[in-house]
Amino acid sequence: MKHETLKGLLFAGVAGLLVACNEKTETPVDKEQVKKDIQAREDEFAAVFNSGVLKNIGYYADDAISFFPNTAPLVGKPAIIEFLQSDMPSNANKISFKTNEVYPSNDGQMVLEIGYFRVVDSANNPINSGNYMSLFQKKDGKYVVLRDMSASDGVRVQ
C-alpha cells in the first residue's frame, strides 16, 4: 500500500511538471501598439509610393498577392511593383492611408488590417477614396503584406 501511494505521488509530480513545462505564458498582444505599427507601415508605403521610387518598397512580402479592382490578381512583389509603376510617369497624385481596425493573432505575428485610402491631385483636390484590407505577417521584426485588396467607394472627382 505504501509502495502504491509513493508511485501515485511520483506519477502526479511528473505529470504536474510536464504540464507546467508545456504551458505557454504568452504576453497579451498590445492591439494599440500593433495599430500604430501598421499605420507606420502604411505611412511608409504612401511616402515611397508618392516619391515615385518604388524599387525601395519594403511593404510587400516577396510572395505577396494583391487584388486590385478590375485586374487579375498580381502575384509576387515584382508584379505588384510593375503594376503600381505603370501609372506613375504621368501621375502627380498623392495617396494616404488610415488604419481603422486591426485584428492581430494571439502571438502578434499575423495582423488583418481594415483601412481607408484617399487620393488627391497636386492641388490637394480629392480624386478617389475607398477601403482596403491587408493581411500582414511579421518577418525579421517588421510587418509585410502577404495579401491585400481594395475597393473604391465609387466617388471619383475629376
N, C-alpha and C. Protein backbone atom coordinates (compact mmCIF):
# COMPACT_ATOMS: atom_id res chain seq x y z
N MET A 1 0.83 -1.19 0.00
CA MET A 1 0.00 0.00 0.00
C MET A 1 0.87 1.25 0.00
N LYS A 2 1.92 1.21 0.84
CA LYS A 2 2.84 2.34 0.92
C LYS A 2 3.53 2.54 -0.43
N HIS A 3 3.86 1.43 -1.07
CA HIS A 3 4.53 1.46 -2.35
C HIS A 3 3.63 2.08 -3.43
N GLU A 4 2.33 1.74 -3.43
CA GLU A 4 1.36 2.27 -4.38
C GLU A 4 1.16 3.77 -4.18
N THR A 5 1.12 4.21 -2.93
CA THR A 5 0.96 5.64 -2.64
C THR A 5 2.16 6.41 -3.15
N LEU A 6 3.34 5.87 -2.95
CA LEU A 6 4.57 6.51 -3.41
C LEU A 6 4.59 6.61 -4.94
N LYS A 7 4.17 5.52 -5.62
CA LYS A 7 4.09 5.54 -7.08
C LYS A 7 3.09 6.60 -7.56
N GLY A 8 1.94 6.69 -6.88
CA GLY A 8 0.92 7.68 -7.24
C GLY A 8 1.42 9.09 -7.09
N LEU A 9 2.12 9.36 -5.99
CA LEU A 9 2.67 10.70 -5.77
C LEU A 9 3.74 11.04 -6.80
N LEU A 10 4.58 10.06 -7.10
CA LEU A 10 5.64 10.25 -8.10
C LEU A 10 5.02 10.54 -9.47
N PHE A 11 4.01 9.75 -9.84
CA PHE A 11 3.33 9.96 -11.12
C PHE A 11 2.69 11.34 -11.18
N ALA A 12 2.00 11.73 -10.11
CA ALA A 12 1.35 13.04 -10.06
C ALA A 12 2.38 14.17 -10.17
N GLY A 13 3.53 14.01 -9.53
CA GLY A 13 4.58 15.02 -9.60
C GLY A 13 5.15 15.15 -11.00
N VAL A 14 5.43 14.04 -11.65
CA VAL A 14 5.96 14.06 -13.01
C VAL A 14 4.93 14.66 -13.97
N ALA A 15 3.68 14.24 -13.83
CA ALA A 15 2.62 14.78 -14.69
C ALA A 15 2.48 16.28 -14.49
N GLY A 16 2.55 16.73 -13.25
CA GLY A 16 2.47 18.15 -12.96
C GLY A 16 3.61 18.93 -13.59
N LEU A 17 4.82 18.38 -13.55
CA LEU A 17 5.97 19.03 -14.17
C LEU A 17 5.81 19.11 -15.69
N LEU A 18 5.33 18.03 -16.29
CA LEU A 18 5.12 18.03 -17.74
C LEU A 18 4.11 19.09 -18.16
N VAL A 19 3.02 19.18 -17.44
CA VAL A 19 2.00 20.19 -17.75
C VAL A 19 2.57 21.59 -17.55
N ALA A 20 3.30 21.81 -16.47
CA ALA A 20 3.87 23.13 -16.19
C ALA A 20 4.88 23.53 -17.26
N CYS A 21 5.67 22.58 -17.73
CA CYS A 21 6.68 22.89 -18.74
C CYS A 21 6.05 23.17 -20.09
N ASN A 22 4.88 22.61 -20.35
CA ASN A 22 4.23 22.80 -21.64
C ASN A 22 3.29 24.00 -21.68
N GLU A 23 3.00 24.59 -20.55
CA GLU A 23 2.12 25.74 -20.54
C GLU A 23 2.80 26.93 -21.20
N LYS A 24 2.07 27.57 -22.08
CA LYS A 24 2.61 28.76 -22.74
C LYS A 24 2.21 29.97 -21.92
N THR A 25 3.17 30.80 -21.67
CA THR A 25 2.89 32.03 -20.94
C THR A 25 3.05 33.19 -21.93
N GLU A 26 2.07 33.29 -22.83
CA GLU A 26 2.11 34.33 -23.85
C GLU A 26 1.74 35.68 -23.24
N THR A 27 2.50 36.66 -23.63
CA THR A 27 2.18 38.03 -23.24
C THR A 27 1.07 38.50 -24.15
N PRO A 28 0.03 39.10 -23.61
CA PRO A 28 -1.05 39.58 -24.47
C PRO A 28 -0.53 40.60 -25.49
N VAL A 29 -1.08 40.53 -26.69
CA VAL A 29 -0.68 41.45 -27.74
C VAL A 29 -1.30 42.82 -27.45
N ASP A 30 -0.48 43.85 -27.52
CA ASP A 30 -0.94 45.22 -27.33
C ASP A 30 -1.54 45.70 -28.65
N LYS A 31 -2.85 45.62 -28.76
CA LYS A 31 -3.55 45.93 -30.01
C LYS A 31 -3.31 47.37 -30.45
N GLU A 32 -3.25 48.30 -29.52
CA GLU A 32 -3.00 49.70 -29.88
C GLU A 32 -1.60 49.88 -30.46
N GLN A 33 -0.63 49.17 -29.91
CA GLN A 33 0.73 49.25 -30.45
C GLN A 33 0.79 48.63 -31.83
N VAL A 34 0.10 47.52 -32.02
CA VAL A 34 0.04 46.88 -33.34
C VAL A 34 -0.57 47.85 -34.35
N LYS A 35 -1.64 48.54 -33.94
CA LYS A 35 -2.29 49.51 -34.83
C LYS A 35 -1.32 50.63 -35.20
N LYS A 36 -0.54 51.10 -34.24
CA LYS A 36 0.47 52.14 -34.52
C LYS A 36 1.53 51.61 -35.47
N ASP A 37 1.97 50.37 -35.26
CA ASP A 37 2.98 49.76 -36.13
C ASP A 37 2.47 49.63 -37.57
N ILE A 38 1.22 49.19 -37.70
CA ILE A 38 0.63 49.03 -39.03
C ILE A 38 0.44 50.40 -39.69
N GLN A 39 -0.02 51.39 -38.95
CA GLN A 39 -0.18 52.73 -39.52
C GLN A 39 1.17 53.27 -39.98
N ALA A 40 2.21 53.00 -39.22
CA ALA A 40 3.56 53.43 -39.61
C ALA A 40 3.97 52.78 -40.93
N ARG A 41 3.62 51.50 -41.11
CA ARG A 41 3.93 50.81 -42.38
C ARG A 41 3.14 51.44 -43.53
N GLU A 42 1.88 51.80 -43.26
CA GLU A 42 1.06 52.45 -44.29
C GLU A 42 1.62 53.82 -44.65
N ASP A 43 2.04 54.57 -43.65
CA ASP A 43 2.64 55.89 -43.90
C ASP A 43 3.92 55.76 -44.72
N GLU A 44 4.71 54.74 -44.38
CA GLU A 44 5.96 54.49 -45.11
C GLU A 44 5.66 54.11 -46.56
N PHE A 45 4.66 53.25 -46.75
CA PHE A 45 4.27 52.86 -48.10
C PHE A 45 3.82 54.07 -48.91
N ALA A 46 2.97 54.91 -48.31
CA ALA A 46 2.49 56.11 -49.01
C ALA A 46 3.64 57.03 -49.39
N ALA A 47 4.60 57.21 -48.48
CA ALA A 47 5.75 58.08 -48.77
C ALA A 47 6.58 57.52 -49.94
N VAL A 48 6.82 56.22 -49.93
CA VAL A 48 7.59 55.60 -51.02
C VAL A 48 6.80 55.70 -52.32
N PHE A 49 5.52 55.36 -52.29
CA PHE A 49 4.69 55.42 -53.48
C PHE A 49 4.64 56.85 -54.03
N ASN A 50 4.41 57.81 -53.15
CA ASN A 50 4.30 59.20 -53.59
C ASN A 50 5.62 59.76 -54.10
N SER A 51 6.73 59.17 -53.68
CA SER A 51 8.05 59.61 -54.17
C SER A 51 8.29 59.15 -55.60
N GLY A 52 7.59 58.09 -56.01
CA GLY A 52 7.77 57.56 -57.36
C GLY A 52 8.93 56.59 -57.48
N VAL A 53 9.61 56.27 -56.40
CA VAL A 53 10.75 55.36 -56.43
C VAL A 53 10.36 54.05 -55.74
N LEU A 54 9.64 53.22 -56.47
CA LEU A 54 9.09 52.01 -55.87
C LEU A 54 10.10 50.88 -55.69
N LYS A 55 11.28 51.00 -56.28
CA LYS A 55 12.26 49.92 -56.11
C LYS A 55 12.65 49.76 -54.64
N ASN A 56 12.46 50.80 -53.84
CA ASN A 56 12.81 50.73 -52.41
C ASN A 56 11.65 50.27 -51.53
N ILE A 57 10.58 49.80 -52.15
CA ILE A 57 9.39 49.46 -51.38
C ILE A 57 9.62 48.17 -50.57
N GLY A 58 9.41 48.27 -49.28
CA GLY A 58 9.56 47.11 -48.40
C GLY A 58 8.23 46.67 -47.83
N TYR A 59 7.17 47.21 -48.34
CA TYR A 59 5.82 46.99 -47.82
C TYR A 59 5.31 45.57 -48.08
N TYR A 60 5.60 45.05 -49.26
CA TYR A 60 5.08 43.74 -49.66
C TYR A 60 6.10 42.63 -49.41
N ALA A 61 5.60 41.46 -49.02
CA ALA A 61 6.43 40.26 -48.95
C ALA A 61 6.75 39.85 -50.38
N ASP A 62 7.84 39.12 -50.56
CA ASP A 62 8.22 38.68 -51.90
C ASP A 62 7.13 37.85 -52.58
N ASP A 63 6.39 37.07 -51.78
CA ASP A 63 5.34 36.20 -52.33
C ASP A 63 3.94 36.77 -52.15
N ALA A 64 3.83 38.08 -52.02
CA ALA A 64 2.53 38.74 -51.81
C ALA A 64 1.63 38.56 -53.02
N ILE A 65 0.34 38.63 -52.77
CA ILE A 65 -0.66 38.67 -53.84
C ILE A 65 -1.57 39.85 -53.55
N SER A 66 -1.77 40.68 -54.57
CA SER A 66 -2.60 41.87 -54.41
C SER A 66 -3.77 41.80 -55.37
N PHE A 67 -4.94 42.14 -54.85
CA PHE A 67 -6.16 42.11 -55.64
C PHE A 67 -6.64 43.54 -55.85
N PHE A 68 -6.23 44.13 -56.99
CA PHE A 68 -6.67 45.47 -57.33
C PHE A 68 -7.96 45.37 -58.13
N PRO A 69 -8.82 46.38 -58.04
CA PRO A 69 -10.08 46.33 -58.80
C PRO A 69 -9.83 46.24 -60.30
N ASN A 70 -10.66 45.51 -60.96
CA ASN A 70 -10.67 45.40 -62.43
C ASN A 70 -9.37 44.87 -63.03
N THR A 71 -8.69 44.01 -62.32
CA THR A 71 -7.48 43.39 -62.86
C THR A 71 -7.31 42.01 -62.25
N ALA A 72 -6.59 41.17 -62.95
CA ALA A 72 -6.30 39.83 -62.42
C ALA A 72 -5.40 39.98 -61.19
N PRO A 73 -5.42 38.99 -60.28
CA PRO A 73 -4.55 39.08 -59.11
C PRO A 73 -3.09 39.26 -59.53
N LEU A 74 -2.40 40.12 -58.79
CA LEU A 74 -0.98 40.37 -59.04
C LEU A 74 -0.19 39.47 -58.09
N VAL A 75 0.58 38.56 -58.64
CA VAL A 75 1.26 37.56 -57.85
C VAL A 75 2.75 37.88 -57.77
N GLY A 76 3.23 38.12 -56.56
CA GLY A 76 4.64 38.41 -56.33
C GLY A 76 4.93 39.90 -56.30
N LYS A 77 5.91 40.24 -55.51
CA LYS A 77 6.30 41.65 -55.34
C LYS A 77 6.67 42.32 -56.67
N PRO A 78 7.44 41.66 -57.55
CA PRO A 78 7.78 42.32 -58.83
C PRO A 78 6.54 42.67 -59.66
N ALA A 79 5.55 41.79 -59.71
CA ALA A 79 4.33 42.08 -60.49
C ALA A 79 3.55 43.24 -59.88
N ILE A 80 3.52 43.30 -58.56
CA ILE A 80 2.80 44.39 -57.88
C ILE A 80 3.49 45.72 -58.16
N ILE A 81 4.81 45.74 -58.04
CA ILE A 81 5.57 46.98 -58.30
C ILE A 81 5.41 47.41 -59.75
N GLU A 82 5.47 46.47 -60.68
CA GLU A 82 5.30 46.81 -62.10
C GLU A 82 3.93 47.43 -62.34
N PHE A 83 2.89 46.86 -61.73
CA PHE A 83 1.54 47.41 -61.87
C PHE A 83 1.47 48.83 -61.29
N LEU A 84 2.03 49.04 -60.12
CA LEU A 84 1.99 50.36 -59.50
C LEU A 84 2.76 51.38 -60.32
N GLN A 85 3.89 50.98 -60.89
CA GLN A 85 4.71 51.90 -61.69
C GLN A 85 4.07 52.25 -63.01
N SER A 86 3.18 51.41 -63.51
CA SER A 86 2.58 51.66 -64.82
C SER A 86 1.79 52.97 -64.87
N ASP A 87 1.35 53.46 -63.74
CA ASP A 87 0.57 54.70 -63.69
C ASP A 87 1.40 55.90 -63.25
N MET A 88 2.65 55.69 -62.91
CA MET A 88 3.42 56.76 -62.28
C MET A 88 3.98 57.84 -63.19
N PRO A 89 4.44 57.56 -64.41
CA PRO A 89 5.09 58.62 -65.18
C PRO A 89 4.25 59.89 -65.35
N SER A 90 2.94 59.74 -65.48
CA SER A 90 2.10 60.92 -65.70
C SER A 90 1.27 61.25 -64.46
N ASN A 91 1.64 60.70 -63.33
CA ASN A 91 0.80 60.81 -62.15
C ASN A 91 1.42 61.72 -61.09
N ALA A 92 0.74 62.83 -60.79
CA ALA A 92 1.19 63.73 -59.72
C ALA A 92 0.29 63.58 -58.50
N ASN A 93 -0.55 62.55 -58.51
CA ASN A 93 -1.48 62.33 -57.41
C ASN A 93 -0.75 61.78 -56.19
N LYS A 94 -1.33 62.00 -55.03
CA LYS A 94 -0.76 61.51 -53.76
C LYS A 94 -1.79 60.64 -53.06
N ILE A 95 -1.31 59.57 -52.46
CA ILE A 95 -2.19 58.66 -51.74
C ILE A 95 -1.87 58.70 -50.26
N SER A 96 -2.88 58.46 -49.45
CA SER A 96 -2.68 58.34 -48.00
C SER A 96 -3.58 57.21 -47.50
N PHE A 97 -3.18 56.65 -46.37
CA PHE A 97 -3.89 55.51 -45.79
C PHE A 97 -4.19 55.79 -44.32
N LYS A 98 -5.33 55.29 -43.87
CA LYS A 98 -5.68 55.39 -42.45
C LYS A 98 -6.10 54.01 -41.96
N THR A 99 -5.37 53.51 -40.99
CA THR A 99 -5.70 52.23 -40.39
C THR A 99 -6.90 52.42 -39.47
N ASN A 100 -8.00 51.77 -39.78
CA ASN A 100 -9.20 51.88 -38.95
C ASN A 100 -9.27 50.80 -37.88
N GLU A 101 -8.99 49.57 -38.27
CA GLU A 101 -9.09 48.44 -37.34
C GLU A 101 -7.95 47.47 -37.59
N VAL A 102 -7.49 46.81 -36.54
CA VAL A 102 -6.52 45.72 -36.68
C VAL A 102 -7.01 44.54 -35.87
N TYR A 103 -6.73 43.36 -36.39
CA TYR A 103 -7.09 42.11 -35.73
C TYR A 103 -5.83 41.24 -35.69
N PRO A 104 -5.00 41.41 -34.65
CA PRO A 104 -3.77 40.62 -34.57
C PRO A 104 -4.04 39.20 -34.09
N SER A 105 -3.19 38.27 -34.52
CA SER A 105 -3.24 36.92 -34.00
C SER A 105 -2.79 36.95 -32.53
N ASN A 106 -3.02 35.88 -31.82
CA ASN A 106 -2.67 35.84 -30.39
C ASN A 106 -1.20 36.10 -30.14
N ASP A 107 -0.33 35.70 -31.07
CA ASP A 107 1.10 35.92 -30.89
C ASP A 107 1.59 37.20 -31.58
N GLY A 108 0.70 37.91 -32.27
CA GLY A 108 1.06 39.16 -32.92
C GLY A 108 1.85 38.99 -34.21
N GLN A 109 2.00 37.77 -34.70
CA GLN A 109 2.78 37.53 -35.90
C GLN A 109 1.99 37.80 -37.19
N MET A 110 0.67 37.72 -37.09
CA MET A 110 -0.20 37.99 -38.24
C MET A 110 -1.19 39.07 -37.82
N VAL A 111 -1.50 39.97 -38.75
CA VAL A 111 -2.45 41.05 -38.46
C VAL A 111 -3.32 41.28 -39.68
N LEU A 112 -4.63 41.30 -39.47
CA LEU A 112 -5.56 41.72 -40.51
C LEU A 112 -5.87 43.19 -40.25
N GLU A 113 -5.67 44.01 -41.26
CA GLU A 113 -5.94 45.44 -41.14
C GLU A 113 -7.11 45.81 -42.05
N ILE A 114 -7.97 46.68 -41.55
CA ILE A 114 -9.03 47.27 -42.37
C ILE A 114 -8.78 48.77 -42.34
N GLY A 115 -8.71 49.37 -43.52
CA GLY A 115 -8.37 50.78 -43.56
C GLY A 115 -9.08 51.54 -44.67
N TYR A 116 -8.73 52.80 -44.75
CA TYR A 116 -9.32 53.75 -45.69
C TYR A 116 -8.20 54.41 -46.48
N PHE A 117 -8.39 54.56 -47.79
CA PHE A 117 -7.39 55.28 -48.58
C PHE A 117 -8.03 56.50 -49.22
N ARG A 118 -7.16 57.45 -49.54
CA ARG A 118 -7.61 58.69 -50.18
C ARG A 118 -6.55 59.12 -51.17
N VAL A 119 -6.98 59.52 -52.35
CA VAL A 119 -6.07 60.00 -53.40
C VAL A 119 -6.46 61.44 -53.71
N VAL A 120 -5.44 62.32 -53.73
CA VAL A 120 -5.66 63.73 -54.06
C VAL A 120 -4.74 64.12 -55.21
N ASP A 121 -5.13 65.16 -55.94
CA ASP A 121 -4.26 65.64 -57.02
C ASP A 121 -3.23 66.62 -56.47
N SER A 122 -2.46 67.22 -57.35
CA SER A 122 -1.38 68.11 -56.91
C SER A 122 -1.88 69.36 -56.20
N ALA A 123 -3.17 69.71 -56.41
CA ALA A 123 -3.77 70.86 -55.71
C ALA A 123 -4.53 70.41 -54.46
N ASN A 124 -4.35 69.17 -54.08
CA ASN A 124 -4.97 68.58 -52.90
C ASN A 124 -6.49 68.39 -53.02
N ASN A 125 -6.97 68.34 -54.27
CA ASN A 125 -8.38 68.06 -54.51
C ASN A 125 -8.60 66.55 -54.50
N PRO A 126 -9.66 66.06 -53.85
CA PRO A 126 -9.89 64.62 -53.80
C PRO A 126 -10.21 64.05 -55.19
N ILE A 127 -9.61 62.91 -55.48
CA ILE A 127 -9.81 62.24 -56.76
C ILE A 127 -10.51 60.90 -56.54
N ASN A 128 -10.09 60.20 -55.52
CA ASN A 128 -10.63 58.87 -55.27
C ASN A 128 -10.45 58.54 -53.80
N SER A 129 -11.30 57.67 -53.32
CA SER A 129 -11.17 57.17 -51.95
C SER A 129 -11.86 55.83 -51.88
N GLY A 130 -11.58 55.11 -50.81
CA GLY A 130 -12.20 53.80 -50.65
C GLY A 130 -11.65 53.08 -49.44
N ASN A 131 -11.84 51.79 -49.43
CA ASN A 131 -11.44 50.97 -48.30
C ASN A 131 -10.55 49.83 -48.77
N TYR A 132 -9.81 49.27 -47.85
CA TYR A 132 -8.92 48.16 -48.18
C TYR A 132 -8.80 47.22 -46.99
N MET A 133 -8.33 46.02 -47.29
CA MET A 133 -7.99 45.04 -46.26
C MET A 133 -6.61 44.51 -46.62
N SER A 134 -5.76 44.39 -45.60
CA SER A 134 -4.41 43.86 -45.80
C SER A 134 -4.11 42.83 -44.72
N LEU A 135 -3.48 41.75 -45.14
CA LEU A 135 -3.03 40.72 -44.21
C LEU A 135 -1.52 40.85 -44.09
N PHE A 136 -1.06 41.16 -42.89
CA PHE A 136 0.37 41.34 -42.63
C PHE A 136 0.93 40.13 -41.88
N GLN A 137 2.21 39.87 -42.12
CA GLN A 137 2.95 38.88 -41.34
C GLN A 137 4.24 39.54 -40.89
N LYS A 138 4.63 39.26 -39.66
CA LYS A 138 5.87 39.82 -39.14
C LYS A 138 7.03 38.94 -39.62
N LYS A 139 7.95 39.55 -40.36
CA LYS A 139 9.14 38.86 -40.87
C LYS A 139 10.34 39.72 -40.50
N ASP A 140 11.30 39.11 -39.85
CA ASP A 140 12.51 39.82 -39.42
C ASP A 140 12.16 41.07 -38.61
N GLY A 141 11.13 40.95 -37.77
CA GLY A 141 10.76 42.03 -36.86
C GLY A 141 9.93 43.15 -37.47
N LYS A 142 9.56 43.01 -38.75
CA LYS A 142 8.80 44.06 -39.43
C LYS A 142 7.60 43.45 -40.14
N TYR A 143 6.46 44.13 -40.09
CA TYR A 143 5.28 43.64 -40.77
C TYR A 143 5.39 43.87 -42.28
N VAL A 144 5.05 42.84 -43.05
CA VAL A 144 4.97 42.95 -44.50
C VAL A 144 3.63 42.38 -44.95
N VAL A 145 3.14 42.88 -46.07
CA VAL A 145 1.84 42.45 -46.58
C VAL A 145 1.97 41.15 -47.36
N LEU A 146 1.12 40.19 -46.99
CA LEU A 146 1.02 38.93 -47.73
C LEU A 146 -0.09 39.00 -48.77
N ARG A 147 -1.22 39.59 -48.38
CA ARG A 147 -2.38 39.73 -49.26
C ARG A 147 -3.03 41.08 -49.00
N ASP A 148 -3.52 41.69 -50.07
CA ASP A 148 -4.31 42.90 -49.88
C ASP A 148 -5.30 43.06 -51.01
N MET A 149 -6.33 43.82 -50.72
CA MET A 149 -7.33 44.14 -51.72
C MET A 149 -7.97 45.47 -51.36
N SER A 150 -8.46 46.17 -52.39
CA SER A 150 -9.06 47.47 -52.15
C SER A 150 -10.32 47.63 -53.00
N ALA A 151 -11.16 48.54 -52.57
CA ALA A 151 -12.38 48.85 -53.30
C ALA A 151 -12.64 50.34 -53.20
N SER A 152 -12.81 50.97 -54.34
CA SER A 152 -13.15 52.39 -54.36
C SER A 152 -14.56 52.58 -53.85
N ASP A 153 -14.78 53.71 -53.23
CA ASP A 153 -16.14 53.99 -52.78
C ASP A 153 -17.01 54.50 -53.92
N GLY A 154 -16.44 54.57 -55.12
CA GLY A 154 -17.20 54.94 -56.30
C GLY A 154 -17.29 56.43 -56.55
N VAL A 155 -16.75 57.22 -55.65
CA VAL A 155 -16.80 58.67 -55.82
C VAL A 155 -15.49 59.11 -56.46
N ARG A 156 -15.57 59.51 -57.69
CA ARG A 156 -14.38 60.00 -58.39
C ARG A 156 -14.63 61.43 -58.80
N VAL A 157 -13.75 62.29 -58.39
CA VAL A 157 -13.83 63.70 -58.75
C VAL A 157 -12.72 63.96 -59.76
N GLN A 158 -13.03 64.46 -60.91
CA GLN A 158 -12.01 64.70 -61.92
C GLN A 158 -11.89 66.17 -62.24
